[in-house]
Protein backbone atom coordinates (compact mmCIF):
# COMPACT_ATOMS: atom_id res chain seq x y z
CA MET A 1 -13.80 -22.23 -34.35
CA ASN A 2 -10.23 -20.99 -34.72
CA ILE A 3 -8.95 -17.65 -33.50
CA LEU A 4 -5.61 -16.06 -34.37
CA ALA A 5 -3.89 -13.32 -32.37
CA ILE A 6 -1.38 -11.00 -34.07
CA ILE A 7 0.92 -8.68 -32.12
CA PRO A 8 2.32 -6.01 -34.48
CA VAL A 9 5.59 -4.49 -33.24
CA LEU A 10 6.81 -1.70 -35.53
CA ILE A 11 9.72 0.67 -34.96
CA ARG A 12 7.67 3.60 -36.22
CA ASN A 13 5.29 3.12 -33.27
CA GLU A 14 8.02 3.45 -30.64
CA ALA A 15 7.29 6.33 -28.26
CA ILE A 16 10.54 5.76 -26.33
CA PRO A 17 13.85 4.61 -27.86
CA LYS A 18 14.07 0.79 -27.92
CA MET A 19 10.72 0.75 -26.11
CA PHE A 20 9.49 -2.66 -27.21
CA SER A 21 12.69 -4.52 -26.32
CA ARG A 22 13.24 -2.52 -23.12
CA PHE A 23 12.60 -4.25 -19.80
CA LEU A 24 9.39 -3.14 -18.07
CA VAL A 25 9.75 -4.37 -14.47
CA LYS A 26 11.07 -7.91 -15.01
CA LYS A 27 10.75 -8.63 -18.73
CA PRO A 28 10.76 -6.91 -22.14
CA LEU A 29 7.59 -4.96 -22.91
CA ILE A 30 6.67 -7.12 -25.91
CA LEU A 31 6.40 -10.28 -23.81
CA TYR A 32 3.42 -8.98 -21.85
CA ALA A 33 1.11 -9.23 -24.88
CA ASN A 34 2.07 -12.87 -25.43
CA ASP A 35 1.56 -13.76 -21.77
CA ILE A 36 -1.88 -12.13 -21.84
CA ALA A 37 -2.96 -13.85 -25.08
CA LYS A 38 -1.69 -17.34 -24.22
CA LYS A 39 -3.93 -17.46 -21.12
CA SER A 40 -7.02 -16.99 -23.29
CA LYS A 41 -9.60 -19.77 -23.49
CA TYR A 42 -10.25 -18.97 -27.14
CA ILE A 43 -7.03 -17.89 -28.88
CA ASP A 44 -5.43 -20.82 -30.71
CA ASP A 45 -2.28 -19.27 -32.17
CA ILE A 46 -0.19 -16.17 -31.44
CA TYR A 47 2.14 -14.52 -33.95
CA TYR A 48 4.37 -11.48 -33.69
CA TYR A 49 5.03 -9.29 -36.70
CA THR A 50 8.02 -6.94 -36.54
CA ASP A 51 10.52 -4.83 -38.45
CA ASP A 52 12.80 -4.65 -35.40
CA GLU A 53 15.76 -7.07 -35.17
CA ASN A 54 15.90 -6.75 -31.36
CA VAL A 55 12.23 -7.73 -31.08
CA ALA A 56 12.73 -10.64 -33.48
CA HIS A 57 15.65 -11.85 -31.37
CA ILE A 58 13.61 -11.70 -28.14
CA THR A 59 10.72 -13.67 -29.68
CA GLU A 60 13.08 -16.31 -31.06
CA ILE A 61 14.95 -16.92 -27.78
CA ASN A 62 11.56 -17.24 -26.06
CA ALA A 63 10.38 -19.77 -28.67
CA LEU A 64 7.58 -17.51 -29.88
CA LYS A 65 6.20 -17.44 -33.41
CA VAL A 66 7.31 -14.41 -35.41
CA ILE A 67 7.12 -13.13 -38.96
CA THR A 68 9.56 -10.37 -39.86
CA GLU A 69 9.08 -7.59 -42.39
CA LYS A 70 11.68 -9.19 -44.66
CA GLU A 71 9.47 -12.28 -45.06
CA LEU A 72 6.51 -10.36 -46.54
CA ILE A 73 6.00 -8.47 -49.77
CA LEU A 74 4.09 -5.32 -48.81
CA GLU A 75 3.36 -1.97 -50.38
CA LYS A 76 5.62 0.81 -49.14
CA ASN A 77 2.93 2.70 -47.19
CA TYR A 78 0.94 -0.26 -45.95
CA ASP A 79 -1.57 0.23 -43.13
CA LEU A 80 -2.81 -2.14 -40.41
CA ASN A 81 -5.70 -3.38 -42.57
CA ILE A 82 -3.39 -4.43 -45.41
CA LEU A 83 -0.85 -5.89 -42.97
CA SER A 84 -3.55 -7.92 -41.17
CA THR A 85 -4.90 -9.32 -44.45
CA VAL A 86 -1.46 -10.38 -45.71
CA LEU A 87 -0.46 -11.85 -42.34
CA LEU A 88 -3.70 -13.78 -42.00
CA LYS A 89 -3.19 -15.47 -45.36
CA GLU A 90 0.50 -16.17 -44.65
CA ILE A 91 -0.20 -17.71 -41.23
CA GLU A 92 -3.05 -19.86 -42.55
CA VAL A 93 -0.55 -21.39 -44.99
CA LYS A 94 2.04 -21.88 -42.21
CA GLU A 95 -0.44 -23.43 -39.75
CA GLN A 96 -2.45 -25.25 -42.43
CA LYS A 97 -5.74 -24.11 -40.92
CA GLN A 98 -8.45 -21.57 -41.51
CA TYR A 99 -9.25 -18.93 -38.88
CA ASP A 100 -12.68 -17.49 -38.10
CA TYR A 101 -11.62 -14.47 -36.05
CA LEU A 102 -8.56 -12.28 -35.85
CA VAL A 103 -7.43 -10.53 -32.67
CA ILE A 104 -4.99 -7.62 -32.99
CA LEU A 105 -3.29 -7.06 -29.65
CA PHE A 106 -1.01 -4.05 -29.53
CA PRO A 107 2.29 -4.48 -27.67
CA ASN A 108 2.27 -1.20 -25.72
CA CYS A 109 -0.71 -2.07 -23.47
CA PRO A 110 0.78 -4.46 -20.86
CA LEU A 111 -2.10 -4.18 -18.38
CA ILE A 112 -4.92 -5.63 -20.48
CA LYS A 113 -6.54 -8.58 -18.71
CA THR A 114 -7.03 -11.90 -20.43
CA GLU A 115 -10.55 -11.93 -18.99
CA THR A 116 -11.31 -8.71 -20.90
CA ILE A 117 -10.18 -10.25 -24.19
CA ASP A 118 -12.16 -13.46 -23.60
CA LYS A 119 -15.29 -11.58 -22.62
CA SER A 120 -14.98 -9.40 -25.75
CA ILE A 121 -14.61 -12.49 -27.97
CA GLU A 122 -17.67 -14.09 -26.36
CA GLU A 123 -19.80 -10.97 -26.78
CA LEU A 124 -18.71 -10.45 -30.37
CA ILE A 125 -19.46 -14.04 -31.33
CA SER A 126 -22.87 -13.99 -29.64
CA SER A 127 -23.81 -10.62 -31.17
CA GLN A 128 -24.63 -9.69 -34.75
CA LYS A 129 -21.59 -7.44 -34.97
CA ASP A 130 -18.61 -7.89 -37.27
CA SER A 131 -15.80 -6.38 -35.21
CA ALA A 132 -14.84 -4.97 -31.83
CA LEU A 133 -12.35 -2.36 -30.72
CA SER A 134 -11.13 -0.87 -27.44
CA VAL A 135 -12.33 2.53 -26.29
CA GLN A 136 -12.19 4.65 -23.15
CA TYR A 137 -14.59 7.17 -21.65
CA ASN A 138 -13.34 10.65 -22.47
CA GLU A 139 -15.70 13.33 -21.33
CA GLU A 140 -15.77 16.05 -18.69
CA PRO A 141 -19.36 17.35 -18.49
CA HIS A 142 -18.44 20.56 -16.67
CA LEU A 143 -15.43 21.86 -18.53
CA LYS A 144 -13.57 24.79 -16.99
CA LEU A 145 -12.20 26.60 -20.01
CA TRP A 146 -10.20 29.82 -20.32
CA ILE A 147 -9.53 32.01 -23.36
CA GLU A 148 -6.22 33.84 -23.60
CA ASP A 149 -6.18 37.14 -25.52
CA SER A 150 -3.30 38.65 -27.53
CA LYS A 151 -1.92 40.36 -24.41
CA GLY A 152 -1.80 37.14 -22.39
CA PHE A 153 -4.81 37.90 -20.20
CA GLY A 154 -7.21 35.05 -19.41
CA THR A 155 -11.00 35.16 -19.46
CA LYS A 156 -13.10 32.32 -18.08
CA LEU A 157 -15.42 30.68 -20.58
CA TYR A 158 -18.55 29.21 -19.05
CA GLN A 159 -19.77 26.28 -21.07
CA LYS A 160 -23.16 24.90 -20.14
CA GLU A 161 -24.54 21.56 -21.12
CA LYS A 162 -27.44 21.94 -23.53
CA ASP A 163 -28.53 18.36 -23.23
CA ARG A 164 -28.04 16.46 -20.00
CA ASN A 165 -29.21 13.25 -21.68
CA HIS A 166 -26.47 13.32 -24.32
CA ARG A 167 -24.77 10.09 -25.37
CA ARG A 168 -21.51 9.13 -23.73
CA LYS A 169 -18.43 10.02 -25.74
CA LEU A 170 -15.91 7.21 -26.09
CA GLN A 171 -12.44 7.58 -27.51
CA GLU A 172 -10.82 4.84 -29.57
CA ILE A 173 -7.54 3.54 -28.13
CA SER A 174 -5.21 1.21 -29.99
CA GLU A 175 -5.12 -1.75 -27.61
CA ILE A 176 -7.45 -4.46 -28.93
CA ILE A 177 -9.19 -5.03 -32.26
CA ILE A 178 -11.20 -8.18 -32.95
CA SER A 179 -12.56 -8.86 -36.42
CA LYS A 180 -14.36 -11.60 -38.30
CA LYS A 181 -12.14 -13.02 -41.01
CA GLU A 182 -14.87 -12.66 -43.61
CA THR A 183 -15.32 -8.98 -42.65
CA LEU A 184 -11.63 -8.27 -43.09
CA LEU A 185 -11.37 -10.04 -46.45
CA GLN A 186 -14.61 -8.62 -47.81
CA HIS A 187 -14.08 -4.98 -46.80
CA GLN A 188 -10.27 -4.92 -46.57
CA ASN A 189 -10.88 -3.30 -43.21
CA LEU A 190 -10.70 -4.59 -39.63
CA ILE A 191 -13.40 -2.18 -38.46
CA THR A 192 -16.79 -1.77 -40.12
CA LYS A 193 -19.87 0.22 -39.11
CA ASN A 194 -21.21 -2.78 -37.20
CA VAL A 195 -18.87 -2.49 -34.19
CA LYS A 196 -18.88 -3.79 -30.64
CA LEU A 197 -17.12 -1.38 -28.24
CA ILE A 198 -14.76 -2.70 -25.56
CA GLU A 199 -14.65 -0.03 -22.86
CA LEU A 200 -11.42 -0.06 -20.84
CA THR A 201 -10.73 1.71 -17.56
CA LEU A 202 -7.62 2.09 -15.40
CA PRO A 203 -5.26 0.35 -15.42
CA GLU A 204 -6.21 -1.60 -18.56
CA ASN A 205 -6.45 1.56 -20.67
CA ILE A 206 -2.83 2.55 -20.07
CA LEU A 207 -1.36 2.76 -23.56
CA ILE A 208 2.35 3.56 -23.46
CA LYS A 209 2.85 6.66 -25.60
CA ASN A 210 5.49 8.48 -23.54
CA HIS A 211 7.71 8.26 -20.45
CA ILE A 212 4.82 9.12 -18.10
CA ASP A 213 2.74 6.23 -19.45
CA TRP A 214 5.75 3.95 -18.99
CA TRP A 215 6.10 5.10 -15.37
CA MET A 216 2.37 4.52 -14.74
CA ALA A 217 2.48 1.05 -16.26
CA GLU A 218 5.50 0.19 -14.14
CA LYS A 219 3.70 1.37 -10.99
CA PHE A 220 0.63 -0.74 -11.73
CA LEU A 221 2.66 -3.84 -12.64
CA LYS A 222 4.50 -3.61 -9.32
CA ARG A 223 1.26 -3.05 -7.44
CA LYS A 224 0.26 -5.78 -5.00
CA ARG A 225 -2.96 -6.55 -3.17
CA ILE A 226 -2.06 -6.33 0.51
CA LEU A 227 -4.48 -7.32 3.29
CA ILE A 228 -3.73 -5.89 6.74
CA ARG A 229 -5.26 -7.97 9.52
CA VAL A 230 -5.27 -5.90 12.71
CA ASP A 231 -7.35 -5.29 15.84
CA GLY A 232 -7.50 -2.55 18.45
CA TYR A 233 -9.46 -2.65 21.69
CA ASN A 234 -9.14 -1.84 25.39
CA LYS A 235 -7.16 -4.88 26.47
CA ILE A 236 -4.40 -4.73 23.84
CA GLY A 237 -4.61 -1.00 23.15
CA LEU A 238 -4.48 0.82 19.83
CA GLY A 239 -0.75 0.60 19.10
CA HIS A 240 -1.30 -2.16 16.54
CA ILE A 241 -3.78 0.04 14.68
CA TYR A 242 -1.42 3.03 14.65
CA ARG A 243 1.56 0.93 13.55
CA THR A 244 -0.30 -0.55 10.58
CA LEU A 245 -1.68 2.87 9.64
CA ALA A 246 1.88 4.26 9.65
CA LEU A 247 2.96 1.35 7.45
CA ALA A 248 -0.06 1.73 5.14
CA THR A 249 0.78 5.37 4.43
CA GLN A 250 4.04 4.11 2.90
CA LEU A 251 2.24 1.48 0.80
CA ILE A 252 -0.05 3.76 -1.19
CA ASP A 253 1.31 2.37 -4.48
CA HIS A 254 -0.49 -0.86 -3.61
CA GLU A 255 -4.10 -1.96 -3.22
CA LEU A 256 -4.76 -2.14 0.52
CA LEU A 257 -7.55 -3.66 2.57
CA PHE A 258 -7.71 -3.44 6.36
CA VAL A 259 -9.58 -6.29 8.05
CA THR A 260 -10.70 -6.25 11.70
CA LYS A 261 -13.07 -8.16 13.93
CA GLN A 262 -16.49 -6.57 13.92
CA GLU A 263 -16.69 -6.41 17.72
CA TYR A 264 -13.63 -4.14 18.07
CA ASP A 265 -15.15 -0.81 17.12
CA LEU A 266 -12.32 1.29 18.61
CA GLY A 267 -9.87 0.11 15.98
CA THR A 268 -12.36 0.25 13.12
CA LYS A 269 -13.27 3.85 13.93
CA ILE A 270 -9.63 4.99 13.66
CA ILE A 271 -9.09 3.12 10.37
CA LYS A 272 -12.22 4.72 8.92
CA GLU A 273 -11.06 8.17 10.05
CA ASN A 274 -7.89 7.62 8.02
CA ASN A 275 -9.92 6.79 4.88
CA PHE A 276 -8.53 3.32 4.27
CA LYS A 277 -10.67 0.58 2.77
CA LEU A 278 -11.97 -1.62 5.59
CA ALA A 279 -13.76 -4.95 5.91
CA THR A 280 -14.97 -6.48 9.16
CA PHE A 281 -15.95 -10.02 10.07
CA ASP A 282 -17.69 -11.84 12.90
CA LYS A 283 -17.15 -15.51 12.13
CA LYS A 284 -14.21 -17.35 10.57
CA GLY A 285 -16.25 -18.15 7.48
CA GLU A 286 -16.69 -14.44 6.84
CA PHE A 287 -12.92 -13.91 7.03
CA ASP A 288 -12.39 -16.80 4.58
CA LYS A 289 -14.79 -15.09 2.17
CA ILE A 290 -12.87 -11.79 2.45
CA ILE A 291 -9.64 -13.64 1.59
CA SER A 292 -11.25 -15.42 -1.37
CA GLU A 293 -12.75 -12.24 -2.82
CA PHE A 294 -9.78 -9.90 -2.29
CA LYS A 295 -7.15 -12.50 -3.30
CA PRO A 296 -4.21 -10.85 -1.51
CA PHE A 297 -0.61 -11.37 -2.56
CA ILE A 298 0.50 -10.42 0.96
CA VAL A 299 -1.20 -10.61 4.37
CA ILE A 300 0.21 -8.48 7.19
CA ASN A 301 -0.88 -9.66 10.64
CA ASP A 302 -0.64 -7.32 13.62
CA ILE A 303 -2.79 -9.28 16.08
CA LEU A 304 -0.15 -10.44 18.61
CA ASP A 305 0.49 -14.19 18.80
CA THR A 306 -0.81 -16.37 15.96
CA ASP A 307 -1.34 -20.13 15.80
CA ILE A 308 -0.03 -22.54 13.19
CA GLU A 309 -3.52 -23.41 11.84
CA TYR A 310 -4.23 -19.79 10.89
CA ILE A 311 -0.87 -19.31 9.15
CA LYS A 312 -1.17 -22.61 7.30
CA PHE A 313 -4.66 -21.60 6.12
CA LEU A 314 -3.13 -18.50 4.49
CA LYS A 315 -0.13 -20.38 3.11
CA GLU A 316 -2.38 -22.92 1.38
CA LYS A 317 -3.74 -20.02 -0.66
CA GLY A 318 -0.25 -19.04 -1.84
CA ILE A 319 -0.13 -15.89 0.30
CA PHE A 320 3.10 -14.31 1.57
CA ILE A 321 2.67 -13.79 5.34
CA ILE A 322 4.19 -11.03 7.46
CA ASN A 323 3.60 -10.94 11.23
CA PHE A 324 4.33 -8.12 13.65
CA GLU A 325 4.88 -8.56 17.39
CA ASP A 326 4.24 -12.29 17.20
CA LEU A 327 5.71 -14.69 19.77
CA GLY A 328 3.21 -17.47 19.02
CA GLU A 329 3.61 -20.80 17.25
CA GLY A 330 2.36 -19.29 13.99
CA ALA A 331 5.44 -17.08 13.86
CA LYS A 332 7.59 -20.15 13.24
CA VAL A 333 5.94 -20.81 9.87
CA ALA A 334 5.27 -17.21 8.74
CA ASP A 335 7.40 -15.91 5.85
CA LEU A 336 8.58 -12.80 7.71
CA VAL A 337 8.29 -11.80 11.38
CA ILE A 338 9.18 -8.33 12.66
CA ASN A 339 9.33 -7.86 16.43
CA ALA A 340 10.56 -4.30 16.96
CA LEU A 341 9.51 -4.19 20.62
CA TYR A 342 11.44 -7.29 21.74
CA VAL A 343 15.05 -8.43 21.94
CA ARG A 344 15.87 -11.59 20.02
CA LYS A 345 14.00 -14.68 21.27
CA ASN A 346 15.15 -17.14 18.61
CA PHE A 347 17.55 -17.41 15.69
CA LEU A 348 15.09 -18.19 12.92
CA GLU A 349 16.33 -16.77 9.64
CA ASN A 350 13.17 -14.85 8.78
CA HIS A 351 12.75 -13.16 12.20
CA TYR A 352 13.93 -9.59 12.78
CA TRP A 353 14.13 -8.00 16.21
CA GLY A 354 14.65 -4.69 17.90
CA LYS A 355 14.48 -0.94 17.51
CA ASP A 356 15.93 -0.90 13.96
CA TYR A 357 12.51 -2.05 12.75
CA TYR A 358 10.31 0.33 14.69
CA ILE A 359 7.83 2.13 12.40
CA LEU A 360 7.83 5.80 13.35
CA ARG A 361 4.80 7.75 12.20
CA GLU A 362 5.32 10.41 9.53
CA GLU A 363 4.64 13.35 11.84
CA PHE A 364 7.75 12.48 13.90
CA HIS A 365 9.98 12.74 10.84
CA LEU A 366 9.05 16.42 10.69
CA VAL A 367 9.86 17.21 14.33
CA GLY A 368 13.27 18.43 15.45
CA ARG A 369 15.35 17.11 18.36
CA ARG A 370 14.49 18.45 21.81
CA ARG A 371 16.97 20.65 23.65
CA ILE A 372 16.92 20.19 27.40
CA SER A 373 15.74 23.10 29.54
CA LYS A 374 17.25 23.88 32.94
CA GLU A 375 13.84 23.84 34.61
CA VAL A 376 10.89 21.47 34.19
CA THR A 377 7.76 23.49 33.50
CA ASN A 378 5.98 21.32 30.93
CA ILE A 379 5.08 17.64 31.32
CA ILE A 380 3.26 15.32 28.95
CA ILE A 381 1.35 12.24 30.12
CA SER A 382 0.30 9.76 27.45
CA TYR A 383 -0.63 6.13 28.06
CA GLY A 384 -1.72 5.11 24.60
CA GLY A 385 -5.12 4.59 23.12
CA THR A 386 -6.87 3.04 26.13
CA ASP A 387 -4.83 3.46 29.37
CA PRO A 388 -6.59 0.42 30.94
CA ASN A 389 -4.98 0.99 34.35
CA ASN A 390 -5.80 4.72 34.40
CA TYR A 391 -2.16 5.68 34.96
CA THR A 392 -2.98 9.17 33.70
CA GLU A 393 -5.01 10.02 36.79
CA LYS A 394 -2.50 8.28 39.07
CA ILE A 395 0.36 10.45 37.74
CA LEU A 396 -1.68 13.65 38.01
CA ASP A 397 -2.38 12.84 41.67
CA ILE A 398 1.31 12.18 42.33
CA LEU A 399 2.28 15.46 40.64
CA GLU A 400 -0.23 17.28 42.82
CA SER A 401 1.58 15.96 45.90
CA LEU A 402 4.87 17.48 44.67
CA LYS A 403 3.53 21.06 44.84
CA ILE A 404 5.52 22.21 41.80
CA LYS A 405 5.07 25.88 40.93
CA ASP A 406 4.42 27.15 37.39
CA LEU A 407 3.79 23.68 36.01
CA LYS A 408 1.80 22.89 32.87
CA VAL A 409 0.69 19.30 32.18
CA ASN A 410 -0.76 17.99 28.91
CA ALA A 411 -2.69 14.79 29.59
CA ILE A 412 -3.24 13.14 26.21
CA LEU A 413 -5.96 10.51 26.22
CA GLY A 414 -6.60 7.95 23.52
CA LEU A 415 -9.92 7.18 21.89
CA GLY A 416 -10.51 4.21 24.20
CA TYR A 417 -9.94 6.05 27.50
CA LYS A 418 -12.97 5.65 29.77
CA ASN A 419 -14.40 8.49 31.85
CA ALA A 420 -12.62 11.25 29.95
CA GLU A 421 -15.22 13.80 31.00
CA LYS A 422 -14.78 12.89 34.65
CA LEU A 423 -11.03 13.48 34.39
CA LYS A 424 -11.57 16.80 32.63
CA GLN A 425 -13.73 17.94 35.54
CA LYS A 426 -11.21 16.74 38.12
CA SER A 427 -8.35 18.47 36.27
CA LYS A 428 -9.82 21.84 37.27
CA ASP A 429 -9.10 21.09 40.93
CA TYR A 430 -5.34 20.54 40.55
CA SER A 431 -3.00 23.31 41.72
CA PHE A 432 -1.20 23.35 38.37
CA GLU A 433 -2.47 23.82 34.82
CA VAL A 434 -3.81 20.63 33.28
CA ASN A 435 -4.93 20.38 29.66
CA VAL A 436 -6.83 17.15 29.03
CA LYS A 437 -7.01 16.30 25.33
CA GLN A 438 -8.46 13.19 23.74
CA HIS A 439 -7.76 11.50 20.40
CA ILE A 440 -5.66 14.28 18.90
CA ASN A 441 -4.02 14.19 15.47
CA HIS A 442 -0.60 15.71 16.18
CA ILE A 443 0.74 14.50 19.50
CA SER A 444 4.29 15.27 18.36
CA LYS A 445 3.63 18.97 18.94
CA TYR A 446 2.90 18.37 22.64
CA MET A 447 5.83 15.98 22.99
CA TYR A 448 8.27 18.48 21.53
CA GLU A 449 7.08 21.15 23.98
CA ALA A 450 7.50 18.85 27.00
CA ASP A 451 10.49 18.87 29.36
CA ILE A 452 9.73 15.35 30.57
CA ALA A 453 7.18 12.65 29.73
CA LEU A 454 5.41 9.74 31.39
CA THR A 455 4.17 6.86 29.27
CA ALA A 456 3.94 3.06 28.91
CA ALA A 457 6.49 0.74 27.31
CA GLY A 458 4.84 0.56 23.90
CA ARG A 459 4.78 2.68 20.76
CA THR A 460 4.74 6.08 22.52
CA VAL A 461 8.12 5.59 24.21
CA TYR A 462 9.79 5.23 20.79
CA GLU A 463 8.14 8.42 19.59
CA LEU A 464 9.40 10.30 22.65
CA ALA A 465 12.89 8.84 22.14
CA SER A 466 12.91 10.01 18.50
CA ILE A 467 12.55 13.60 19.80
CA GLY A 468 14.71 13.13 22.89
CA VAL A 469 12.20 13.87 25.66
CA PRO A 470 13.42 12.45 29.04
CA THR A 471 10.86 9.80 29.94
CA ILE A 472 9.61 7.69 32.85
CA VAL A 473 7.86 4.44 31.91
CA LEU A 474 5.15 2.61 33.83
CA VAL A 475 4.57 -0.76 32.18
CA GLU A 476 0.90 -1.61 31.60
CA ASN A 477 0.92 -5.44 31.61
CA GLU A 478 3.13 -8.54 31.84
CA ARG A 479 3.77 -8.60 28.09
CA GLY A 480 4.97 -4.99 28.29
CA LEU A 481 7.82 -6.16 30.53
CA LEU A 482 9.27 -7.82 27.40
CA HIS A 483 9.50 -4.43 25.66
CA THR A 484 13.14 -3.93 26.52
CA PHE A 485 13.73 -0.70 24.59
CA ALA A 486 12.37 1.17 27.63
CA SER A 487 15.63 0.85 29.53
CA GLU A 488 18.43 2.91 31.04
CA GLU A 489 20.80 2.21 28.15
CA ASN A 490 18.35 4.02 25.85
CA GLY A 491 17.93 6.94 28.26
CA ILE A 492 14.58 5.82 29.69
CA ILE A 493 13.70 5.39 33.37
CA ASN A 494 11.58 2.24 33.63
CA VAL A 495 10.04 1.82 37.07
CA GLY A 496 8.38 -1.49 36.13
CA LEU A 497 4.81 -2.79 36.16
CA GLY A 498 2.77 0.19 37.27
CA THR A 499 0.07 -1.87 38.97
CA LYS A 500 2.64 -3.35 41.36
CA ILE A 501 4.88 -0.33 41.98
CA PRO A 502 4.09 1.79 45.08
CA ASP A 503 3.23 5.43 44.40
CA ASP A 504 6.21 6.51 46.51
CA GLU A 505 8.59 4.79 44.11
CA ILE A 506 7.00 6.54 41.14
CA LYS A 507 7.15 9.81 43.07
CA SER A 508 10.87 9.33 43.77
CA ALA A 509 11.58 8.73 40.08
CA LEU A 510 9.70 11.90 39.18
CA ILE A 511 11.50 14.03 41.76
CA ARG A 512 14.86 12.72 40.61
CA LEU A 513 14.21 13.43 36.92
CA ILE A 514 12.68 16.86 37.57
CA ASN A 515 15.51 18.01 39.82
CA ASP A 516 18.48 16.52 37.96
CA TYR A 517 19.29 18.58 34.86
CA ASP A 518 22.41 16.51 34.10
CA LEU A 519 20.39 13.30 34.17
CA ARG A 520 17.82 14.73 31.76
CA LYS A 521 20.60 15.90 29.45
CA LYS A 522 22.33 12.50 29.58
CA ASN A 523 19.07 10.65 28.85
CA ASN A 524 18.31 13.03 25.98
CA ILE A 525 21.65 12.15 24.37
CA LEU A 526 21.14 8.40 24.87
CA MET A 527 17.67 8.59 23.33
CA LEU A 528 18.82 10.46 20.26
CA GLU A 529 21.64 7.98 19.63
CA ASN A 530 18.93 5.56 18.43
CA ASN A 531 18.30 5.98 14.71
CA LEU A 532 14.56 5.40 14.93
CA ARG A 533 13.74 7.46 11.85
CA SER A 534 15.13 4.84 9.48
CA GLY A 535 12.94 2.05 10.86
CA ILE A 536 10.20 2.40 8.25
CA SER A 537 12.66 2.17 5.35
CA ASN A 538 14.24 -0.90 7.01
CA VAL A 539 10.82 -2.56 7.29
CA LEU A 540 9.79 -1.73 3.71
CA GLY A 541 13.14 -2.99 2.45
CA LEU A 542 12.62 -6.28 4.29
CA ILE A 543 9.05 -6.73 3.09
CA PHE A 544 9.77 -6.31 -0.59
CA SER A 545 13.19 -8.01 -0.68
CA GLU A 546 11.77 -11.07 1.10
CA TYR A 547 8.66 -11.04 -1.09
CA GLU A 548 10.85 -10.93 -4.21
CA LYS A 549 12.75 -13.99 -2.95
CA TYR A 550 9.41 -15.69 -2.31
CA GLU A 551 8.22 -14.94 -5.86
CA GLU A 552 11.39 -16.39 -7.35
CA MET A 553 11.05 -19.50 -5.19
CA VAL A 554 7.41 -19.99 -6.24
CA LYS A 555 8.38 -19.72 -9.94
CA LYS A 556 10.89 -22.55 -9.52
């Protein structure tokens, strides 16, 4: 059985000037149809037909088969049926073979899948039908219609469905037509009454008819499947979850899938609250299955240190690998490593370090810079999503010993903080006002209101620095000591590992910052000298520029 594909490219069908020869993403629009058809299991030959010299030139330099308008004798007002009949006969002479089926693939539908064409061919051959054509569902059962009168006033028209069991209405779209040769020659028509419908949905049904369609097609062609592998639990906190969520909000043009370990319900709860697609796994085999089914172009790991075996497993599948906050052996073979919280540890070409790559959440881009008040009357305490060392209560007790008048403290607890209710009860006994809040959506509001802040050396300290709130840091664990942004040069008082620092030392740091207006003002200036708001654009620029290099390398 022989099957011929014809791609008709006519100037009269251009919706945009020079549309067919214009580059869509990385190649001329007309080349997409050829690339789709040549992957088919069933199509034997592909021919272009055109009246456009630019299109003819592109096909020739790409060694594609083309018949131009000048080569055929056609009636002046020929239609697609006549054109298909003449072309079929001409190509059979050229190829010295007889075809059984003819596929018309229109050039302005670059998102059709080869699998769709092959499935349609299979179903047509196995059925008793003579032809097939592409359609799309085009019905809104509850139409909201308005009638405008001669004076411009609108009246709502309520249209009720008379029959809820009505047949689905499908609209023909000029993307694919498949016809038996004998049907075409006998009826001089590609489509007869005996038709198989090929229903297309987004993005396959994008037919470029205007600039908006072009823009949509471009968006979908650039779209990548990105898997984000991340965990959040008491020991490591929730900073990894919040960082990847902040990144994901900037990747909405792409198909995203978050993947976490099933046992870490803290992280999964937050991802679900943000309405991202999520998969969980228990055993390695389950993760392998997720990878095989989703088929990501890119995997983003935010799981701390990785090993070489894991990264090699992903690389063997042709995946581009991006790791955050990774000091493990796997980082050496990943395609891109971004360590915003650390100073440079090596000079590997694909590793990027420091505050220029910190991903600041969107809410902090909307907040102004803090002006320093003469007096300290408002303090914020925030030790991340879990506060495993319960620094929040420690700081509240130290503040109580200072006997500060007219003081308001906002103690912001994360989702993983244990004994929140107990702390809320205890907060009533302090001599100053304490507002205990847990798992809030807009922490930036409370940060902006604060005169000083106390936090750990992770994500929160960058957020405070972006606003310019004078801050004291108590580091949570040994790894946090490597987070060197929390330093004097950036306007931050870092008293060290909180579990080993005496309360008196913390108390002294608090008294100094509260009483020294000039110090707070100086630290505010140093904090705001860091351009943290451009970090997300720096990271996105790195991801897609490095991925583009990777794509070019793979092609070679």
